[in-house]
Amino acid sequence: MDAVFRIGVQWLHITAGVLWIGGGFYTILVQLPALLASPPAARGAIMPNLVPRQFNYIFRVAEFTILTGVLNLFVSGRAQELTRLDTRWSWAILAGIILAVGVYALTRATIARWAYRLVEIGPLAASGDAAAAAQMPELGARIRRFGYIQLTIGALILLAMVTARFS
């Protein structure tokens, strides 16, 4: 029964991680370019519905990934290895934890704030407010730049987890 629980926790952790990182790839490579290519009036109409749902999804799946990762440490019986840091496994897991928590915190502090600002000024820009319209491309560029940083960190997390798996 312990093995089934351990496999279940590991499966949940991997699935959540794929949804989190995959959601970031979809957002940055598909959704954001499509939104930026749309007329401002169309963006203004969709953003108030899209942004809260998207961040609710991303944050919940990120939190679940981190939670199941910590739980996975304990059900695998390897949590104490992190205190020694004398194996490639412990270094890879520690790097993955730091990167995951870091990208989660940075996303909450930056992209979420910028995206909600886009939601706020979108209707103003669509109605002809020049100052609001001027802010939109800069906010979009910030989100895109940080999104690429997130994708890079996500790829590094995956590399760390694969390294840990084969250590």
C-alpha atoms as a PDB file:
ATOM      1  CA  MET A   1       0.000   0.000   0.000  1.00  0.00           C
ATOM      2  CA  ASP A   2       2.907   2.376   0.724  1.00  0.00           C
ATOM      3  CA  ALA A   3       4.202   1.908  -2.812  1.00  0.00           C
ATOM      4  CA  VAL A   4       0.797   2.804  -4.279  1.00  0.00           C
ATOM      5  CA  PHE A   5       0.635   5.983  -2.172  1.00  0.00           C
ATOM      6  CA  ARG A   6       4.194   6.927  -3.158  1.00  0.00           C
ATOM      7  CA  ILE A   7       3.462   6.362  -6.849  1.00  0.00           C
ATOM      8  CA  GLY A   8       0.225   8.353  -6.540  1.00  0.00           C
ATOM      9  CA  VAL A   9       1.989  11.313  -4.913  1.00  0.00           C
ATOM     10  CA  GLN A  10       4.761  11.233  -7.498  1.00  0.00           C
ATOM     11  CA  TRP A  11       2.222  11.029 -10.345  1.00  0.00           C
ATOM     12  CA  LEU A  12       0.287  14.009  -8.935  1.00  0.00           C
ATOM     13  CA  HIS A  13       3.503  15.991  -8.559  1.00  0.00           C
ATOM     14  CA  ILE A  14       4.683  15.290 -12.104  1.00  0.00           C
ATOM     15  CA  THR A  15       1.242  15.950 -13.604  1.00  0.00           C
ATOM     16  CA  ALA A  16       0.902  19.240 -11.728  1.00  0.00           C
ATOM     17  CA  GLY A  17       4.401  20.278 -12.800  1.00  0.00           C
ATOM     18  CA  VAL A  18       3.618  19.525 -16.441  1.00  0.00           C
ATOM     19  CA  LEU A  19       0.406  21.570 -16.184  1.00  0.00           C
ATOM     20  CA  TRP A  20       2.253  24.466 -14.545  1.00  0.00           C
ATOM     21  CA  ILE A  21       5.206  24.597 -16.957  1.00  0.00           C
ATOM     22  CA  GLY A  22       3.016  23.712 -19.946  1.00  0.00           C
ATOM     23  CA  GLY A  23       0.563  26.448 -19.005  1.00  0.00           C
ATOM     24  CA  GLY A  24       3.423  28.930 -19.055  1.00  0.00           C
ATOM     25  CA  PHE A  25       4.584  27.768 -22.485  1.00  0.00           C
ATOM     26  CA  TYR A  26       1.040  28.032 -23.854  1.00  0.00           C
ATOM     27  CA  THR A  27       0.529  31.489 -22.368  1.00  0.00           C
ATOM     28  CA  ILE A  28       3.787  32.990 -23.622  1.00  0.00           C
ATOM     29  CA  LEU A  29       4.057  31.272 -26.998  1.00  0.00           C
ATOM     30  CA  VAL A  30       0.391  31.127 -28.068  1.00  0.00           C
ATOM     31  CA  GLN A  31      -2.011  33.191 -26.007  1.00  0.00           C
ATOM     32  CA  LEU A  32      -0.059  36.414 -25.436  1.00  0.00           C
ATOM     33  CA  PRO A  33       0.983  36.814 -29.102  1.00  0.00           C
ATOM     34  CA  ALA A  34      -2.638  36.202 -30.179  1.00  0.00           C
ATOM     35  CA  LEU A  35      -3.914  38.785 -27.719  1.00  0.00           C
ATOM     36  CA  LEU A  36      -1.328  41.361 -28.776  1.00  0.00           C
ATOM     37  CA  ALA A  37      -2.241  40.803 -32.427  1.00  0.00           C
ATOM     38  CA  SER A  38      -5.918  41.482 -31.647  1.00  0.00           C
ATOM     39  CA  PRO A  39      -7.423  44.967 -31.832  1.00  0.00           C
ATOM     40  CA  PRO A  40      -7.481  46.820 -28.481  1.00  0.00           C
ATOM     41  CA  ALA A  41     -11.288  46.706 -28.332  1.00  0.00           C
ATOM     42  CA  ALA A  42     -11.250  42.910 -28.543  1.00  0.00           C
ATOM     43  CA  ARG A  43      -8.528  42.652 -25.887  1.00  0.00           C
ATOM     44  CA  GLY A  44     -10.434  44.973 -23.591  1.00  0.00           C
ATOM     45  CA  ALA A  45     -13.469  42.722 -23.787  1.00  0.00           C
ATOM     46  CA  ILE A  46     -11.672  39.416 -23.152  1.00  0.00           C
ATOM     47  CA  MET A  47      -8.980  40.352 -20.609  1.00  0.00           C
ATOM     48  CA  PRO A  48     -11.275  40.864 -17.582  1.00  0.00           C
ATOM     49  CA  ASN A  49     -12.526  37.296 -18.048  1.00  0.00           C
ATOM     50  CA  LEU A  50      -9.236  35.684 -19.022  1.00  0.00           C
ATOM     51  CA  VAL A  51      -6.711  37.124 -16.569  1.00  0.00           C
ATOM     52  CA  PRO A  52      -8.379  36.172 -13.256  1.00  0.00           C
ATOM     53  CA  ARG A  53      -9.105  32.634 -14.501  1.00  0.00           C
ATOM     54  CA  GLN A  54      -5.620  32.176 -15.849  1.00  0.00           C
ATOM     55  CA  PHE A  55      -3.896  33.328 -12.680  1.00  0.00           C
ATOM     56  CA  ASN A  56      -6.213  31.262 -10.508  1.00  0.00           C
ATOM     57  CA  TYR A  57      -5.250  28.216 -12.595  1.00  0.00           C
ATOM     58  CA  ILE A  58      -1.515  28.971 -12.687  1.00  0.00           C
ATOM     59  CA  PHE A  59      -1.216  29.760  -8.984  1.00  0.00           C
ATOM     60  CA  ARG A  60      -3.264  26.767  -7.822  1.00  0.00           C
ATOM     61  CA  VAL A  61      -1.385  24.301 -10.029  1.00  0.00           C
ATOM     62  CA  ALA A  62       1.955  25.850  -8.964  1.00  0.00           C
ATOM     63  CA  GLU A  63       1.002  25.576  -5.290  1.00  0.00           C
ATOM     64  CA  PHE A  64      -0.132  21.982  -5.802  1.00  0.00           C
ATOM     65  CA  THR A  65       3.144  21.173  -7.596  1.00  0.00           C
ATOM     66  CA  ILE A  66       5.194  22.582  -4.726  1.00  0.00           C
ATOM     67  CA  LEU A  67       3.026  20.886  -2.088  1.00  0.00           C
ATOM     68  CA  THR A  68       3.159  17.470  -3.750  1.00  0.00           C
ATOM     69  CA  GLY A  69       6.910  17.915  -4.287  1.00  0.00           C
ATOM     70  CA  VAL A  70       7.458  18.418  -0.563  1.00  0.00           C
ATOM     71  CA  LEU A  71       5.121  15.522   0.216  1.00  0.00           C
ATOM     72  CA  ASN A  72       7.021  13.390  -2.311  1.00  0.00           C
ATOM     73  CA  LEU A  73      10.246  14.018  -0.381  1.00  0.00           C
ATOM     74  CA  PHE A  74       8.759  12.509   2.743  1.00  0.00           C
ATOM     75  CA  VAL A  75       6.871   9.583   1.210  1.00  0.00           C
ATOM     76  CA  SER A  76       9.987   8.605  -0.744  1.00  0.00           C
ATOM     77  CA  GLY A  77      11.960   8.478   2.502  1.00  0.00           C
ATOM     78  CA  ARG A  78      14.680  10.731   1.084  1.00  0.00           C
ATOM     79  CA  ALA A  79      13.907  14.029   2.847  1.00  0.00           C
ATOM     80  CA  GLN A  80      16.867  13.679   5.225  1.00  0.00           C
ATOM     81  CA  GLU A  81      19.271  13.504   2.273  1.00  0.00           C
ATOM     82  CA  LEU A  82      18.641  17.221   1.742  1.00  0.00           C
ATOM     83  CA  THR A  83      20.307  18.020   5.060  1.00  0.00           C
ATOM     84  CA  ARG A  84      23.633  16.525   3.938  1.00  0.00           C
ATOM     85  CA  LEU A  85      23.906  17.888   0.394  1.00  0.00           C
ATOM     86  CA  ASP A  86      26.476  15.225  -0.452  1.00  0.00           C
ATOM     87  CA  THR A  87      24.767  13.689  -3.493  1.00  0.00           C
ATOM     88  CA  ARG A  88      23.838  14.848  -6.960  1.00  0.00           C
ATOM     89  CA  TRP A  89      20.235  13.968  -6.058  1.00  0.00           C
ATOM     90  CA  SER A  90      20.158  16.323  -3.061  1.00  0.00           C
ATOM     91  CA  TRP A  91      21.668  19.195  -5.056  1.00  0.00           C
ATOM     92  CA  ALA A  92      19.237  18.664  -7.942  1.00  0.00           C
ATOM     93  CA  ILE A  93      16.205  18.520  -5.636  1.00  0.00           C
ATOM     94  CA  LEU A  94      17.354  21.589  -3.701  1.00  0.00           C
ATOM     95  CA  ALA A  95      17.891  23.502  -6.964  1.00  0.00           C
ATOM     96  CA  GLY A  96      14.425  22.459  -8.170  1.00  0.00           C
ATOM     97  CA  ILE A  97      12.794  23.591  -4.926  1.00  0.00           C
ATOM     98  CA  ILE A  98      14.546  26.966  -4.937  1.00  0.00           C
ATOM     99  CA  LEU A  99      13.758  27.581  -8.614  1.00  0.00           C
ATOM    100  CA  ALA A 100      10.108  26.520  -8.268  1.00  0.00           C
ATOM    101  CA  VAL A 101       9.409  28.610  -5.184  1.00  0.00           C
ATOM    102  CA  GLY A 102      11.363  31.506  -6.681  1.00  0.00           C
ATOM    103  CA  VAL A 103       9.494  31.553  -9.989  1.00  0.00           C
ATOM    104  CA  TYR A 104       6.182  31.224  -8.137  1.00  0.00           C
ATOM    105  CA  ALA A 105       6.984  34.195  -5.880  1.00  0.00           C
ATOM    106  CA  LEU A 106       8.306  36.312  -8.744  1.00  0.00           C
ATOM    107  CA  THR A 107       5.227  35.590 -10.846  1.00  0.00           C
ATOM    108  CA  ARG A 108       2.968  36.707  -8.010  1.00  0.00           C
ATOM    109  CA  ALA A 109       5.054  39.869  -7.536  1.00  0.00           C
ATOM    110  CA  THR A 110       5.426  40.884 -11.182  1.00  0.00           C
ATOM    111  CA  ILE A 111       3.408  39.286 -13.958  1.00  0.00           C
ATOM    112  CA  ALA A 112       0.186  39.115 -11.968  1.00  0.00           C
ATOM    113  CA  ARG A 113       0.434  42.810 -11.112  1.00  0.00           C
ATOM    114  CA  TRP A 114       1.213  43.768 -14.705  1.00  0.00           C
ATOM    115  CA  ALA A 115      -1.584  41.619 -16.137  1.00  0.00           C
ATOM    116  CA  TYR A 116      -4.158  43.089 -13.743  1.00  0.00           C
ATOM    117  CA  ARG A 117      -2.919  46.539 -14.753  1.00  0.00           C
ATOM    118  CA  LEU A 118      -3.625  45.584 -18.381  1.00  0.00           C
ATOM    119  CA  VAL A 119      -7.146  44.586 -17.346  1.00  0.00           C
ATOM    120  CA  GLU A 120      -7.573  47.942 -15.633  1.00  0.00           C
ATOM    121  CA  ILE A 121      -6.375  50.112 -18.502  1.00  0.00           C
ATOM    122  CA  GLY A 122      -7.652  47.940 -21.374  1.00  0.00           C
ATOM    123  CA  PRO A 123     -11.129  49.507 -21.472  1.00  0.00           C
ATOM    124  CA  LEU A 124      -9.602  52.976 -21.223  1.00  0.00           C
ATOM    125  CA  ALA A 125      -7.277  52.275 -24.150  1.00  0.00           C
ATOM    126  CA  ALA A 126     -10.148  50.797 -26.158  1.00  0.00           C
ATOM    127  CA  SER A 127     -12.209  53.938 -25.572  1.00  0.00           C
ATOM    128  CA  GLY A 128      -9.434  56.166 -26.915  1.00  0.00           C
ATOM    129  CA  ASP A 129      -7.408  57.122 -23.832  1.00  0.00           C
ATOM    130  CA  ALA A 130      -3.966  57.793 -25.331  1.00  0.00           C
ATOM    131  CA  ALA A 131      -2.083  57.482 -22.020  1.00  0.00           C
ATOM    132  CA  ALA A 132      -3.626  54.065 -21.321  1.00  0.00           C
ATOM    133  CA  ALA A 133      -2.972  52.953 -24.895  1.00  0.00           C
ATOM    134  CA  ALA A 134       0.679  53.980 -24.566  1.00  0.00           C
ATOM    135  CA  GLN A 135       1.109  51.826 -21.423  1.00  0.00           C
ATOM    136  CA  MET A 136      -0.272  48.658 -22.995  1.00  0.00           C
ATOM    137  CA  PRO A 137       2.701  47.756 -25.254  1.00  0.00           C
ATOM    138  CA  GLU A 138       5.203  48.308 -22.440  1.00  0.00           C
ATOM    139  CA  LEU A 139       3.227  46.105 -20.045  1.00  0.00           C
ATOM    140  CA  GLY A 140       2.890  43.441 -22.740  1.00  0.00           C
ATOM    141  CA  ALA A 141       6.646  43.576 -23.382  1.00  0.00           C
ATOM    142  CA  ARG A 142       7.408  43.217 -19.658  1.00  0.00           C
ATOM    143  CA  ILE A 143       5.097  40.224 -19.386  1.00  0.00           C
ATOM    144  CA  ARG A 144       6.653  38.639 -22.471  1.00  0.00           C
ATOM    145  CA  ARG A 145      10.235  39.191 -21.231  1.00  0.00           C
ATOM    146  CA  PHE A 146       9.495  37.778 -17.803  1.00  0.00           C
ATOM    147  CA  GLY A 147       7.525  34.956 -19.416  1.00  0.00           C
ATOM    148  CA  TYR A 148      10.631  33.881 -21.324  1.00  0.00           C
ATOM    149  CA  ILE A 149      12.585  33.972 -18.067  1.00  0.00           C
ATOM    150  CA  GLN A 150       9.889  31.757 -16.526  1.00  0.00           C
ATOM    151  CA  LEU A 151      10.156  29.313 -19.424  1.00  0.00           C
ATOM    152  CA  THR A 152      13.924  29.141 -18.981  1.00  0.00           C
ATOM    153  CA  ILE A 153      13.563  28.539 -15.248  1.00  0.00           C
ATOM    154  CA  GLY A 154      10.883  25.920 -15.952  1.00  0.00           C
ATOM    155  CA  ALA A 155      13.271  24.117 -18.298  1.00  0.00           C
ATOM    156  CA  LEU A 156      15.980  24.257 -15.598  1.00  0.00           C
ATOM    157  CA  ILE A 157      13.546  22.807 -13.050  1.00  0.00           C
ATOM    158  CA  LEU A 158      12.764  19.958 -15.441  1.00  0.00           C
ATOM    159  CA  LEU A 159      16.477  19.374 -15.950  1.00  0.00           C
ATOM    160  CA  ALA A 160      17.007  19.292 -12.174  1.00  0.00           C
ATOM    161  CA  MET A 161      14.182  16.795 -11.717  1.00  0.00           C
ATOM    162  CA  VAL A 162      15.471  14.524 -14.490  1.00  0.00           C
ATOM    163  CA  THR A 163      18.963  14.729 -12.956  1.00  0.00           C
ATOM    164  CA  ALA A 164      17.509  13.800  -9.549  1.00  0.00           C
ATOM    165  CA  ARG A 165      15.534  10.928 -11.040  1.00  0.00           C
ATOM    166  CA  PHE A 166      18.637   9.371 -12.552  1.00  0.00           C
ATOM    167  CA  SER A 167      20.916  10.017  -9.556  1.00  0.00           C
END
